[in-house]
Protein backbone atom coordinates (compact mmCIF):
# COMPACT_ATOMS: atom_id res chain seq x y z
CA UNK A 1 16.52 -43.95 3.55
CA UNK A 2 13.51 -45.32 1.74
CA UNK A 3 10.22 -43.60 2.63
CA UNK A 4 8.41 -46.62 4.10
CA UNK A 5 11.18 -47.18 6.66
CA UNK A 6 11.16 -43.45 7.52
CA UNK A 7 7.51 -43.48 8.38
CA UNK A 8 7.86 -46.61 10.44
CA UNK A 9 10.65 -45.10 12.53
CA UNK A 10 8.68 -41.85 12.91
CA UNK A 11 5.60 -43.70 14.13
CA UNK A 12 7.66 -45.71 16.65
CA UNK A 13 9.30 -42.54 17.98
CA UNK A 14 5.92 -40.72 18.27
CA UNK A 15 4.40 -43.74 19.99
CA UNK A 16 7.29 -43.89 22.46
CA UNK A 17 6.99 -40.21 23.23
CA UNK A 18 3.19 -40.51 23.69
CA UNK A 19 3.60 -43.57 25.93
CA UNK A 20 6.19 -41.81 28.07
CA UNK A 21 4.00 -38.74 28.40
CA UNK A 22 0.99 -40.90 29.35
CA UNK A 23 3.02 -42.78 31.98
CA UNK A 24 4.34 -39.54 33.47
CA UNK A 25 0.87 -37.95 33.67
CA UNK A 26 -0.65 -41.11 35.16
CA UNK A 27 2.09 -41.35 37.78
CA UNK A 28 1.61 -37.72 38.79
CA UNK A 29 -2.14 -38.23 39.15
CA UNK A 30 -1.67 -41.36 41.28
CA UNK A 31 0.78 -39.53 43.57
CA UNK A 32 -1.69 -36.66 44.02
CA UNK A 33 -4.52 -39.08 44.85
CA UNK A 34 -2.35 -40.93 47.36
CA UNK A 35 -1.29 -37.67 49.03
CA UNK A 36 -4.88 -36.49 49.15
CA UNK A 37 -5.99 -39.74 50.83
CA UNK A 38 -3.44 -39.24 53.61
CA UNK A 39 -4.50 -35.71 54.52
CA UNK A 40 -7.54 -35.41 56.95
CA UNK A 41 -10.84 -34.36 55.55
CA UNK A 42 -11.54 -30.77 56.43
CA UNK A 43 -15.06 -29.74 57.49
CA UNK A 44 -16.17 -26.18 57.58
CA UNK A 45 -19.07 -24.52 59.35
CA UNK A 46 -20.33 -21.05 60.12
CA UNK A 47 -19.16 -19.75 63.54
CA UNK A 48 -22.01 -19.17 66.06
CA UNK A 49 -22.67 -19.17 69.86
CA UNK A 50 -24.49 -22.00 71.70
CA UNK A 51 -24.18 -24.95 74.15
CA UNK A 52 -21.85 -27.81 73.50
CA UNK A 53 -23.58 -31.09 74.37
CA UNK A 54 -21.41 -34.15 74.96
CA UNK A 55 -22.91 -37.58 75.37
CA UNK A 56 -21.41 -40.93 76.15
CA UNK A 57 -22.98 -44.34 76.39
CA UNK A 58 -21.78 -47.58 77.91
CA UNK A 59 -22.39 -50.23 80.61
CA UNK A 60 -20.88 -50.52 84.09
CA UNK A 61 -21.48 -50.65 87.89
CA UNK A 62 -22.96 -47.59 89.63
CA UNK A 63 -20.84 -46.55 92.65
CA UNK A 64 -22.05 -44.10 95.32
CA UNK A 65 -20.08 -40.93 95.82
CA UNK A 66 -20.06 -41.48 99.62
CA UNK A 67 -20.88 -44.49 101.81
CA UNK A 68 -21.84 -44.84 105.50
CA UNK A 69 -21.83 -47.99 107.60
CA UNK A 70 -24.85 -48.31 109.90
CA UNK A 71 -25.34 -50.71 112.77
CA UNK A 72 -26.95 -51.18 116.20
CA UNK A 73 -24.95 -50.56 119.37
CA UNK A 74 -26.36 -53.75 120.88
CA UNK A 75 -27.00 -57.20 119.53
CA UNK A 76 -30.51 -58.54 119.08
CA UNK A 77 -33.11 -59.94 116.74
CA UNK A 78 -34.06 -57.77 113.76
CA UNK A 79 -37.84 -57.35 113.63
CA UNK A 80 -38.26 -54.46 111.17
CA UNK A 81 -36.37 -53.51 107.97
CA UNK A 82 -37.93 -50.61 106.10
CA UNK A 83 -35.38 -50.16 103.28
CA UNK A 84 -33.67 -52.16 100.55
CA UNK A 85 -30.78 -51.55 98.17
CA UNK A 86 -31.42 -48.37 96.24
CA UNK A 87 -34.06 -46.96 98.61
CA UNK A 88 -33.97 -43.23 99.30
CA UNK A 89 -34.05 -42.14 102.93
CA UNK A 90 -33.94 -38.84 104.77
CA UNK A 91 -32.99 -37.76 108.27
CA UNK A 92 -35.36 -39.17 110.88
CA UNK A 93 -36.53 -42.17 108.84
CA UNK A 94 -36.74 -45.49 110.71
CA UNK A 95 -34.46 -47.85 108.80
CA UNK A 96 -34.53 -50.95 111.00
CA UNK A 97 -35.62 -52.01 114.47
CA UNK A 98 -34.54 -54.71 116.93
CA UNK A 99 -36.75 -56.75 119.23
CA UNK A 100 -37.02 -54.65 122.42
CA UNK A 101 -39.14 -56.95 124.58
CA UNK A 102 -36.31 -57.60 127.07
CA UNK A 103 -35.55 -53.89 127.39
CA UNK A 104 -39.24 -53.11 127.84
CA UNK A 105 -39.44 -55.65 130.67
CA UNK A 106 -36.31 -54.23 132.32
CA UNK A 107 -37.74 -50.72 132.08
CA UNK A 108 -41.00 -51.81 133.69
CA UNK A 109 -39.09 -53.46 136.54
CA UNK A 110 -36.99 -50.32 137.04
CA UNK A 111 -40.12 -48.19 137.10
CA UNK A 112 -41.70 -50.44 139.71
CA UNK A 113 -38.57 -50.31 141.88
CA UNK A 114 -38.45 -46.52 141.60
CA UNK A 115 -42.13 -46.19 142.51
CA UNK A 116 -41.56 -48.34 145.58
CA UNK A 117 -38.54 -46.25 146.53
CA UNK A 118 -40.59 -43.05 146.45
CA UNK A 119 -43.68 -44.42 148.17
CA UNK A 120 -45.04 -42.95 151.41
CA UNK A 121 -43.83 -45.92 153.43
CA UNK A 122 -40.33 -45.61 151.96
CA UNK A 123 -40.20 -41.92 152.92
CA UNK A 124 -41.41 -42.72 156.44
CA UNK A 125 -38.74 -45.40 156.74
CA UNK A 126 -36.10 -42.92 155.60
CA UNK A 127 -37.29 -40.40 158.20
CA UNK A 128 -37.08 -43.02 160.95
CA UNK A 129 -33.58 -43.95 159.75
CA UNK A 130 -32.51 -40.31 160.15
CA UNK A 131 -33.84 -40.22 163.73
CA UNK A 132 -32.10 -43.50 164.59
CA UNK A 133 -28.83 -42.33 163.07
CA UNK A 134 -28.94 -39.07 165.05
CA UNK A 135 -29.64 -40.97 168.25
CA UNK A 136 -26.70 -43.28 167.59
CA UNK A 137 -24.51 -40.24 166.98
CA UNK A 138 -25.49 -38.67 170.30
CA UNK A 139 -24.75 -41.93 172.12
CA UNK A 140 -21.40 -42.33 170.37
CA UNK A 141 -20.43 -38.75 171.23
CA UNK A 142 -21.42 -39.36 174.87
CA UNK A 143 -19.25 -42.48 175.03
CA UNK A 144 -16.33 -40.65 173.45
CA UNK A 145 -16.72 -37.72 175.82
CA UNK A 146 -16.77 -40.04 178.82
CA UNK A 147 -13.67 -41.89 177.60
CA UNK A 148 -11.81 -38.64 176.99
CA UNK A 149 -12.36 -37.28 180.54
CA UNK A 150 -12.24 -40.60 182.40
CA UNK A 151 -9.58 -40.55 185.12
CA UNK A 152 -8.49 -36.99 184.37
CA UNK A 153 -8.27 -34.12 186.82
CA UNK A 154 -11.18 -32.39 185.11
CA UNK A 155 -13.30 -35.36 186.17
CA UNK A 156 -12.09 -35.50 189.75
CA UNK A 157 -15.31 -34.03 191.23
CA UNK A 158 -17.35 -36.76 189.56
CA UNK A 159 -14.91 -39.38 190.83
CA UNK A 160 -15.18 -38.05 194.38
CA UNK A 161 -18.97 -38.03 194.18
CA UNK A 162 -19.04 -41.61 192.88
CA UNK A 163 -16.68 -42.70 195.65
CA UNK A 164 -18.90 -41.05 198.28
CA UNK A 165 -21.95 -42.82 196.85
CA UNK A 166 -20.05 -46.10 196.94
CA UNK A 167 -19.08 -45.53 200.59
CA UNK A 168 -22.70 -44.84 201.56
CA UNK A 169 -23.84 -47.93 199.66
CA UNK A 170 -21.22 -49.99 201.45
CA UNK A 171 -22.39 -48.72 204.82
CA UNK A 172 -26.04 -49.47 204.05
CA UNK A 173 -25.10 -52.93 202.81
CA UNK A 174 -23.14 -53.66 205.97
CA UNK A 175 -26.01 -52.45 208.16
CA UNK A 176 -28.53 -54.53 206.24
CA UNK A 177 -26.31 -57.58 206.50
CA UNK A 178 -25.94 -57.20 210.27
CA UNK A 179 -29.70 -56.93 210.71
CA UNK A 180 -30.40 -59.94 208.52
CA UNK A 181 -27.80 -62.25 210.06
CA UNK A 182 -29.91 -63.13 213.17
CA UNK A 183 -32.83 -64.32 211.03
CA UNK A 184 -30.84 -65.72 208.12
CA UNK A 185 -31.77 -69.26 209.08
CA UNK A 186 -35.50 -68.63 209.01
CA UNK A 187 -37.72 -69.28 206.03
CA UNK A 188 -38.79 -66.20 204.11
CA UNK A 189 -42.39 -66.86 204.91
CA UNK A 190 -41.62 -65.21 208.24
CA UNK A 191 -42.56 -61.51 207.84
CA UNK A 192 -39.56 -60.19 209.77
CA UNK A 193 -37.11 -62.40 207.90
CA UNK A 194 -38.70 -61.47 204.56
CA UNK A 195 -38.54 -57.72 205.26
CA UNK A 196 -34.91 -57.88 206.36
CA UNK A 197 -34.02 -59.94 203.27
CA UNK A 198 -35.60 -57.34 200.96
CA UNK A 199 -33.62 -54.61 202.70
CA UNK A 200 -30.41 -56.62 202.26
CA UNK A 201 -31.18 -57.32 198.58
CA UNK A 202 -31.93 -53.66 197.87
CA UNK A 203 -28.74 -52.58 199.63
CA UNK A 204 -26.72 -55.10 197.60
CA UNK A 205 -28.17 -53.81 194.27
CA UNK A 206 -27.54 -50.22 195.30
CA UNK A 207 -23.95 -51.10 196.17
CA UNK A 208 -23.37 -52.92 192.86
CA UNK A 209 -24.65 -49.89 190.93
CA UNK A 210 -22.48 -47.49 192.95
CA UNK A 211 -19.41 -49.69 192.42
CA UNK A 212 -19.95 -49.95 188.66
CA UNK A 213 -20.46 -46.19 188.41
CA UNK A 214 -17.29 -45.48 190.37
CA UNK A 215 -15.22 -47.92 188.29
CA UNK A 216 -16.52 -46.38 185.08
CA UNK A 217 -15.80 -42.80 186.12
CA UNK A 218 -12.44 -43.40 187.75
CA UNK A 219 -11.04 -45.70 185.07
CA UNK A 220 -8.60 -44.19 182.54
CA UNK A 221 -9.51 -44.95 178.93
CA UNK A 222 -6.84 -46.78 176.90
CA UNK A 223 -5.73 -45.52 173.46
CA UNK A 224 -7.56 -48.44 171.89
CA UNK A 225 -10.76 -47.48 173.71
CA UNK A 226 -10.46 -43.86 172.56
CA UNK A 227 -9.79 -44.94 168.97
CA UNK A 228 -12.81 -47.21 169.03
CA UNK A 229 -15.00 -44.43 170.43
CA UNK A 230 -13.77 -41.98 167.79
CA UNK A 231 -14.47 -44.50 165.05
CA UNK A 232 -17.95 -44.97 166.44
CA UNK A 233 -18.61 -41.23 166.25
CA UNK A 234 -17.29 -41.05 162.67
CA UNK A 235 -19.45 -43.98 161.62
CA UNK A 236 -22.54 -42.51 163.29
CA UNK A 237 -21.90 -39.14 161.60
CA UNK A 238 -21.58 -40.83 158.20
CA UNK A 239 -24.84 -42.68 158.77
CA UNK A 240 -26.59 -39.41 159.64
CA UNK A 241 -25.31 -37.82 156.42
CA UNK A 242 -26.33 -40.79 154.26
CA UNK A 243 -29.81 -41.05 155.71
CA UNK A 244 -30.38 -37.29 155.41
CA UNK A 245 -29.21 -37.33 151.78
CA UNK A 246 -31.58 -40.17 150.98
CA UNK A 247 -34.49 -38.45 152.69
CA UNK A 248 -33.74 -35.23 150.82
CA UNK A 249 -33.61 -37.07 147.51
CA UNK A 250 -36.96 -38.73 148.19
CA UNK A 251 -38.77 -35.63 149.41
CA UNK A 252 -37.49 -32.87 147.09
CA UNK A 253 -37.96 -34.85 143.90
CA UNK A 254 -34.50 -36.03 142.89
CA UNK A 255 -36.15 -39.41 142.47
CA UNK A 256 -39.45 -39.03 140.65
CA UNK A 257 -41.90 -41.84 139.83
CA UNK A 258 -41.72 -42.54 136.10
CA UNK A 259 -44.83 -42.67 133.90
CA UNK A 260 -45.84 -46.11 132.67
CA UNK A 261 -44.07 -47.29 129.54
CA UNK A 262 -46.05 -47.10 126.26
CA UNK A 263 -47.66 -50.34 125.23
């Protein structure tokens, strides 16, 4: 082989080897850089004790941890509102107030009625009602007692006495009638005729009373009459209890006059 051709071939071979080596080295470096870019960056620090502080920022709507619904038990017109959204309140704070003019008027009327109920005249009226109720009870018990014994053997003595009184009244009436008959045609301006007429009239009234008394005592009370009399006693007893309870309430202070309402 001629020398010039030898050197040319040698140079080409050396150049090829150098190019291949350069390509291989470059490829290895690029692979290392790519692998290094994938791995996370490691940070180091000296270990020590302390507080970890975390902070976050952002926008949003603030929501309360707990909520309570407030409202009035009655309807009305709102006159006072002492809070707004975001206000801080504590126990006992007045949040809102309704118009209480109607309630104030009703309270004043109730106070006036109570004061009238506990007045001296009201107490005196209650005392009189107790007396009246007790009197009615005594009368009702007397009627019931009379109805219960009317016409019975336990009342026979009273019946006999009433019959004797009726017989005497009848005799006096007959005697007065006989004495008046001769002068019955005379005017009563005549003294004798007037005196005999008064005797006859008195005898007639005495007889009527004796007859009514006898009929009342001797008559036997019917079941309806007894029931009515018993109901009368029960009603009278209830009225006594009610009037006594009212009088007690007025006099021992169960009803007390109320102080005037604040302005």
